[in-house]
Amino acid sequence: MTSRSRDIIPDKLREILKHEGVVAIVTQNMKEPHLVNTWNSYVTITQDQRLLYPAGGMRTTEENLSKDNCVQMSFGCREVEGLRGRGAGFLIRGTASFLTSGPDFAAVKGRFPWARAAIEIRVDSATQTL
């Protein structure tokens, strides 16, 4: 189910983010898709429903986003009831940018001192897949 209401981040996804799991982040370069991972616990949902997470390395991701800011992310965990039983997951589509200054970067850097940047995702759609 896709969320297009005022709350683009569904409650089920918020519930998933309360549990640890791997987040897959996909960007595109001229040759092929590029995939990196982070953790559910690293993701922050802002009041205006953007996603923020820290970037330690992610240099290829940054380079890809400078040319094409489209991004896809996959979230999941086994602890949340999904579409067919235990285990839930989402596919997020949106646009992303790297932040190296400003209040959002400062907030991410405060939680994760090793972060060289904050990645901001503006969510276009959130589709439950599991």
N, C-alpha and C. Protein backbone atom coordinates (compact mmCIF):
# COMPACT_ATOMS: atom_id res chain seq x y z
N MET A 1 0.84 -1.17 0.00
CA MET A 1 0.00 0.00 0.00
C MET A 1 0.88 1.23 0.00
N THR A 2 0.55 2.21 -0.81
CA THR A 2 1.33 3.43 -0.94
C THR A 2 0.67 4.54 -0.16
N SER A 3 1.47 5.29 0.56
CA SER A 3 0.95 6.41 1.35
C SER A 3 1.08 7.69 0.55
N ARG A 4 -0.03 8.35 0.30
CA ARG A 4 -0.03 9.66 -0.36
C ARG A 4 -0.77 10.68 0.49
N SER A 5 -1.11 10.32 1.71
CA SER A 5 -1.83 11.23 2.60
C SER A 5 -0.86 12.23 3.20
N ARG A 6 -1.37 13.03 4.12
CA ARG A 6 -0.55 14.03 4.80
C ARG A 6 0.67 13.38 5.44
N ASP A 7 0.50 12.21 5.99
CA ASP A 7 1.61 11.48 6.61
C ASP A 7 2.21 10.53 5.59
N ILE A 8 3.24 10.98 4.91
CA ILE A 8 3.89 10.17 3.88
C ILE A 8 4.64 9.00 4.50
N ILE A 9 5.05 9.13 5.77
CA ILE A 9 5.73 8.03 6.48
C ILE A 9 4.67 7.25 7.26
N PRO A 10 4.31 6.05 6.79
CA PRO A 10 3.28 5.27 7.45
C PRO A 10 3.67 4.85 8.87
N ASP A 11 2.66 4.67 9.72
CA ASP A 11 2.90 4.22 11.09
C ASP A 11 3.66 2.90 11.13
N LYS A 12 3.38 2.01 10.20
CA LYS A 12 4.06 0.70 10.16
C LYS A 12 5.56 0.89 9.94
N LEU A 13 5.94 1.82 9.09
CA LEU A 13 7.36 2.09 8.87
C LEU A 13 7.98 2.69 10.13
N ARG A 14 7.27 3.57 10.79
CA ARG A 14 7.76 4.13 12.06
C ARG A 14 7.99 3.02 13.08
N GLU A 15 7.08 2.04 13.09
CA GLU A 15 7.22 0.90 13.99
C GLU A 15 8.46 0.07 13.64
N ILE A 16 8.70 -0.16 12.36
CA ILE A 16 9.89 -0.89 11.90
C ILE A 16 11.15 -0.21 12.40
N LEU A 17 11.18 1.11 12.32
CA LEU A 17 12.38 1.86 12.69
C LEU A 17 12.68 1.81 14.19
N LYS A 18 11.75 1.32 14.99
CA LYS A 18 11.99 1.13 16.43
C LYS A 18 12.80 -0.13 16.70
N HIS A 19 12.98 -0.96 15.67
CA HIS A 19 13.72 -2.22 15.78
C HIS A 19 14.95 -2.14 14.88
N GLU A 20 15.99 -2.87 15.24
CA GLU A 20 17.20 -2.84 14.41
C GLU A 20 17.01 -3.67 13.17
N GLY A 21 17.57 -3.22 12.11
CA GLY A 21 17.56 -3.91 10.83
C GLY A 21 18.46 -3.16 9.88
N VAL A 22 18.70 -3.75 8.74
CA VAL A 22 19.56 -3.13 7.73
C VAL A 22 18.70 -2.32 6.77
N VAL A 23 19.19 -1.14 6.43
CA VAL A 23 18.58 -0.30 5.42
C VAL A 23 19.46 -0.36 4.18
N ALA A 24 18.86 -0.66 3.04
CA ALA A 24 19.59 -0.65 1.77
C ALA A 24 19.25 0.65 1.04
N ILE A 25 20.28 1.31 0.52
CA ILE A 25 20.12 2.59 -0.16
C ILE A 25 20.69 2.44 -1.57
N VAL A 26 19.86 2.71 -2.58
CA VAL A 26 20.25 2.51 -3.96
C VAL A 26 20.27 3.85 -4.70
N THR A 27 21.42 4.13 -5.35
CA THR A 27 21.55 5.26 -6.25
C THR A 27 21.99 4.72 -7.61
N GLN A 28 22.06 5.59 -8.60
CA GLN A 28 22.38 5.15 -9.95
C GLN A 28 23.54 5.98 -10.50
N ASN A 29 24.50 5.30 -11.15
CA ASN A 29 25.53 6.02 -11.89
C ASN A 29 25.35 5.68 -13.37
N MET A 30 26.27 6.10 -14.21
CA MET A 30 26.13 5.90 -15.65
C MET A 30 26.15 4.42 -16.05
N LYS A 31 26.78 3.56 -15.23
CA LYS A 31 26.93 2.16 -15.60
C LYS A 31 25.92 1.24 -14.92
N GLU A 32 25.68 1.47 -13.62
CA GLU A 32 24.92 0.48 -12.87
C GLU A 32 24.37 1.09 -11.57
N PRO A 33 23.43 0.39 -10.95
CA PRO A 33 22.98 0.83 -9.63
C PRO A 33 24.11 0.67 -8.61
N HIS A 34 24.08 1.48 -7.58
CA HIS A 34 25.06 1.40 -6.50
C HIS A 34 24.29 1.23 -5.19
N LEU A 35 24.71 0.28 -4.37
CA LEU A 35 24.01 -0.05 -3.14
C LEU A 35 24.93 0.13 -1.95
N VAL A 36 24.43 0.81 -0.91
CA VAL A 36 25.12 0.90 0.38
C VAL A 36 24.10 0.58 1.46
N ASN A 37 24.60 0.34 2.66
CA ASN A 37 23.72 -0.01 3.78
C ASN A 37 23.94 0.93 4.96
N THR A 38 22.92 1.03 5.77
CA THR A 38 23.00 1.67 7.08
C THR A 38 22.08 0.88 8.00
N TRP A 39 21.84 1.38 9.19
CA TRP A 39 21.01 0.69 10.19
C TRP A 39 19.73 1.46 10.44
N ASN A 40 18.66 0.74 10.74
CA ASN A 40 17.39 1.38 11.10
C ASN A 40 17.58 2.42 12.20
N SER A 41 18.39 2.09 13.20
CA SER A 41 18.57 2.98 14.34
C SER A 41 19.30 4.28 13.98
N TYR A 42 19.90 4.35 12.80
CA TYR A 42 20.58 5.57 12.37
C TYR A 42 19.63 6.57 11.72
N VAL A 43 18.44 6.12 11.34
CA VAL A 43 17.50 6.96 10.60
C VAL A 43 16.67 7.80 11.56
N THR A 44 16.56 9.10 11.25
CA THR A 44 15.72 10.03 11.99
C THR A 44 14.63 10.54 11.05
N ILE A 45 13.40 10.59 11.54
CA ILE A 45 12.31 11.19 10.79
C ILE A 45 12.10 12.60 11.34
N THR A 46 12.19 13.60 10.47
CA THR A 46 12.01 14.98 10.89
C THR A 46 10.52 15.30 11.02
N GLN A 47 10.22 16.43 11.63
CA GLN A 47 8.81 16.84 11.79
C GLN A 47 8.12 17.01 10.45
N ASP A 48 8.85 17.42 9.43
CA ASP A 48 8.24 17.59 8.10
C ASP A 48 8.42 16.34 7.23
N GLN A 49 8.70 15.21 7.87
CA GLN A 49 8.72 13.88 7.28
C GLN A 49 9.82 13.64 6.25
N ARG A 50 10.96 14.26 6.47
CA ARG A 50 12.16 13.90 5.72
C ARG A 50 12.89 12.85 6.55
N LEU A 51 13.70 12.05 5.90
CA LEU A 51 14.55 11.09 6.58
C LEU A 51 15.97 11.63 6.59
N LEU A 52 16.65 11.52 7.73
CA LEU A 52 18.05 11.92 7.85
C LEU A 52 18.83 10.74 8.37
N TYR A 53 20.03 10.53 7.83
CA TYR A 53 20.93 9.53 8.38
C TYR A 53 22.36 9.95 8.13
N PRO A 54 23.29 9.43 8.93
CA PRO A 54 24.69 9.86 8.82
C PRO A 54 25.41 9.17 7.67
N ALA A 55 26.36 9.90 7.11
CA ALA A 55 27.26 9.32 6.11
C ALA A 55 28.67 9.40 6.66
N GLY A 56 29.30 8.23 6.77
CA GLY A 56 30.71 8.19 7.16
C GLY A 56 31.56 8.24 5.90
N GLY A 57 31.42 7.24 5.07
CA GLY A 57 32.07 7.19 3.77
C GLY A 57 31.06 7.61 2.72
N MET A 58 30.52 6.64 2.04
CA MET A 58 29.46 6.85 1.04
C MET A 58 29.84 7.86 -0.04
N ARG A 59 31.10 7.84 -0.45
CA ARG A 59 31.58 8.78 -1.47
C ARG A 59 30.94 8.51 -2.84
N THR A 60 30.79 7.25 -3.21
CA THR A 60 30.15 6.93 -4.49
C THR A 60 28.68 7.35 -4.46
N THR A 61 28.01 7.12 -3.34
CA THR A 61 26.63 7.56 -3.19
C THR A 61 26.53 9.07 -3.39
N GLU A 62 27.43 9.81 -2.75
CA GLU A 62 27.43 11.27 -2.89
C GLU A 62 27.66 11.69 -4.34
N GLU A 63 28.61 11.06 -5.00
CA GLU A 63 28.88 11.38 -6.40
C GLU A 63 27.66 11.09 -7.27
N ASN A 64 27.05 9.93 -7.06
CA ASN A 64 25.86 9.59 -7.85
C ASN A 64 24.74 10.60 -7.64
N LEU A 65 24.51 10.99 -6.39
CA LEU A 65 23.42 11.92 -6.08
C LEU A 65 23.68 13.31 -6.65
N SER A 66 24.94 13.67 -6.84
CA SER A 66 25.24 14.98 -7.43
C SER A 66 24.82 15.05 -8.90
N LYS A 67 24.65 13.87 -9.53
CA LYS A 67 24.25 13.81 -10.94
C LYS A 67 22.79 13.41 -11.11
N ASP A 68 22.28 12.62 -10.19
CA ASP A 68 20.89 12.14 -10.24
C ASP A 68 20.44 11.96 -8.80
N ASN A 69 19.57 12.82 -8.31
CA ASN A 69 19.23 12.80 -6.88
C ASN A 69 18.14 11.79 -6.52
N CYS A 70 17.74 10.94 -7.46
CA CYS A 70 16.74 9.91 -7.15
C CYS A 70 17.37 8.80 -6.31
N VAL A 71 16.61 8.32 -5.35
CA VAL A 71 17.10 7.29 -4.46
C VAL A 71 15.96 6.32 -4.13
N GLN A 72 16.33 5.08 -3.89
CA GLN A 72 15.40 4.08 -3.37
C GLN A 72 16.02 3.49 -2.11
N MET A 73 15.17 3.20 -1.14
CA MET A 73 15.63 2.61 0.12
C MET A 73 14.70 1.46 0.49
N SER A 74 15.27 0.45 1.11
CA SER A 74 14.50 -0.68 1.60
C SER A 74 14.72 -0.81 3.10
N PHE A 75 13.63 -0.85 3.85
CA PHE A 75 13.66 -0.98 5.31
C PHE A 75 12.93 -2.26 5.70
N GLY A 76 13.36 -2.89 6.78
CA GLY A 76 12.63 -4.05 7.26
C GLY A 76 13.09 -4.49 8.63
N CYS A 77 12.27 -5.34 9.23
CA CYS A 77 12.62 -6.03 10.48
C CYS A 77 11.68 -7.21 10.65
N ARG A 78 12.09 -8.17 11.41
CA ARG A 78 11.27 -9.37 11.65
C ARG A 78 10.29 -9.19 12.80
N GLU A 79 10.50 -8.21 13.65
CA GLU A 79 9.70 -8.06 14.88
C GLU A 79 8.32 -7.45 14.66
N VAL A 80 8.08 -6.86 13.50
CA VAL A 80 6.81 -6.17 13.23
C VAL A 80 5.94 -7.03 12.33
N GLU A 81 4.66 -7.11 12.62
CA GLU A 81 3.70 -7.86 11.81
C GLU A 81 3.62 -7.24 10.42
N GLY A 82 3.77 -8.09 9.41
CA GLY A 82 3.76 -7.61 8.03
C GLY A 82 2.49 -7.98 7.29
N LEU A 83 2.56 -8.02 5.99
CA LEU A 83 1.40 -8.31 5.15
C LEU A 83 0.96 -9.76 5.26
N ARG A 84 1.89 -10.67 5.51
CA ARG A 84 1.58 -12.10 5.55
C ARG A 84 2.12 -12.79 6.79
N GLY A 85 2.21 -12.07 7.87
CA GLY A 85 2.74 -12.65 9.10
C GLY A 85 3.85 -11.80 9.66
N ARG A 86 4.66 -12.45 10.49
CA ARG A 86 5.75 -11.75 11.17
C ARG A 86 6.82 -11.32 10.17
N GLY A 87 7.23 -10.07 10.27
CA GLY A 87 8.24 -9.50 9.39
C GLY A 87 7.60 -8.49 8.44
N ALA A 88 8.09 -7.25 8.47
CA ALA A 88 7.53 -6.19 7.64
C ALA A 88 8.65 -5.44 6.94
N GLY A 89 8.35 -4.91 5.76
CA GLY A 89 9.35 -4.16 5.01
C GLY A 89 8.69 -3.11 4.13
N PHE A 90 9.48 -2.10 3.76
CA PHE A 90 9.01 -1.00 2.92
C PHE A 90 10.03 -0.66 1.86
N LEU A 91 9.53 -0.19 0.73
CA LEU A 91 10.35 0.42 -0.31
C LEU A 91 10.01 1.91 -0.31
N ILE A 92 11.05 2.72 -0.15
CA ILE A 92 10.91 4.18 -0.18
C ILE A 92 11.50 4.67 -1.49
N ARG A 93 10.81 5.58 -2.14
CA ARG A 93 11.33 6.27 -3.32
C ARG A 93 11.32 7.76 -3.01
N GLY A 94 12.39 8.45 -3.41
CA GLY A 94 12.44 9.88 -3.15
C GLY A 94 13.66 10.51 -3.76
N THR A 95 13.99 11.68 -3.26
CA THR A 95 15.18 12.39 -3.70
C THR A 95 16.06 12.63 -2.49
N ALA A 96 17.36 12.70 -2.74
CA ALA A 96 18.32 12.79 -1.64
C ALA A 96 19.37 13.85 -1.91
N SER A 97 19.93 14.36 -0.81
CA SER A 97 21.06 15.28 -0.91
C SER A 97 21.94 15.11 0.32
N PHE A 98 23.20 15.48 0.16
CA PHE A 98 24.16 15.45 1.26
C PHE A 98 24.18 16.83 1.91
N LEU A 99 24.10 16.88 3.23
CA LEU A 99 24.16 18.12 3.99
C LEU A 99 25.45 18.14 4.79
N THR A 100 26.20 19.23 4.69
CA THR A 100 27.44 19.35 5.46
C THR A 100 27.44 20.59 6.36
N SER A 101 26.29 21.25 6.45
CA SER A 101 26.14 22.39 7.35
C SER A 101 24.66 22.56 7.64
N GLY A 102 24.36 23.41 8.60
CA GLY A 102 22.97 23.69 8.96
C GLY A 102 22.50 22.85 10.14
N PRO A 103 21.28 23.13 10.61
CA PRO A 103 20.77 22.47 11.82
C PRO A 103 20.56 20.96 11.67
N ASP A 104 20.14 20.51 10.50
CA ASP A 104 19.96 19.06 10.32
C ASP A 104 21.30 18.34 10.37
N PHE A 105 22.31 18.90 9.72
CA PHE A 105 23.65 18.30 9.80
C PHE A 105 24.13 18.30 11.25
N ALA A 106 23.95 19.41 11.96
CA ALA A 106 24.40 19.51 13.35
C ALA A 106 23.72 18.46 14.22
N ALA A 107 22.42 18.23 13.99
CA ALA A 107 21.69 17.23 14.78
C ALA A 107 22.24 15.82 14.51
N VAL A 108 22.50 15.51 13.26
CA VAL A 108 23.05 14.19 12.91
C VAL A 108 24.45 14.05 13.47
N LYS A 109 25.27 15.08 13.31
CA LYS A 109 26.66 15.06 13.81
C LYS A 109 26.67 14.92 15.34
N GLY A 110 25.68 15.51 16.02
CA GLY A 110 25.58 15.38 17.47
C GLY A 110 25.32 13.95 17.92
N ARG A 111 24.53 13.22 17.15
CA ARG A 111 24.25 11.80 17.46
C ARG A 111 25.37 10.88 17.01
N PHE A 112 26.01 11.24 15.90
CA PHE A 112 27.02 10.40 15.28
C PHE A 112 28.26 11.24 14.99
N PRO A 113 29.15 11.40 15.97
CA PRO A 113 30.32 12.28 15.81
C PRO A 113 31.21 11.90 14.62
N TRP A 114 31.16 10.67 14.17
CA TRP A 114 31.97 10.21 13.05
C TRP A 114 31.40 10.62 11.68
N ALA A 115 30.18 11.16 11.66
CA ALA A 115 29.53 11.49 10.39
C ALA A 115 30.23 12.67 9.71
N ARG A 116 30.53 12.53 8.44
CA ARG A 116 31.11 13.63 7.67
C ARG A 116 30.01 14.44 6.99
N ALA A 117 28.79 13.86 6.93
CA ALA A 117 27.65 14.53 6.31
C ALA A 117 26.37 13.88 6.82
N ALA A 118 25.28 14.58 6.59
CA ALA A 118 23.94 14.00 6.82
C ALA A 118 23.31 13.82 5.45
N ILE A 119 22.65 12.70 5.26
CA ILE A 119 21.93 12.49 4.02
C ILE A 119 20.46 12.75 4.31
N GLU A 120 19.88 13.60 3.48
CA GLU A 120 18.48 13.99 3.62
C GLU A 120 17.69 13.34 2.49
N ILE A 121 16.61 12.64 2.87
CA ILE A 121 15.74 12.01 1.88
C ILE A 121 14.37 12.69 1.96
N ARG A 122 13.93 13.19 0.83
CA ARG A 122 12.56 13.70 0.70
C ARG A 122 11.75 12.58 0.07
N VAL A 123 10.84 12.02 0.87
CA VAL A 123 10.10 10.82 0.49
C VAL A 123 8.98 11.18 -0.48
N ASP A 124 8.96 10.51 -1.64
CA ASP A 124 7.87 10.64 -2.60
C ASP A 124 6.81 9.56 -2.39
N SER A 125 7.27 8.34 -2.06
CA SER A 125 6.33 7.25 -1.82
C SER A 125 6.92 6.26 -0.85
N ALA A 126 6.03 5.60 -0.13
CA ALA A 126 6.40 4.54 0.82
C ALA A 126 5.45 3.37 0.58
N THR A 127 5.99 2.29 0.06
CA THR A 127 5.17 1.13 -0.31
C THR A 127 5.55 -0.06 0.55
N GLN A 128 4.58 -0.62 1.26
CA GLN A 128 4.85 -1.81 2.07
C GLN A 128 5.05 -3.00 1.14
N THR A 129 6.15 -3.72 1.30
CA THR A 129 6.49 -4.85 0.45
C THR A 129 6.41 -6.20 1.16
N LEU A 130 6.51 -6.19 2.47
CA LEU A 130 6.41 -7.42 3.28
C LEU A 130 5.35 -7.21 4.34
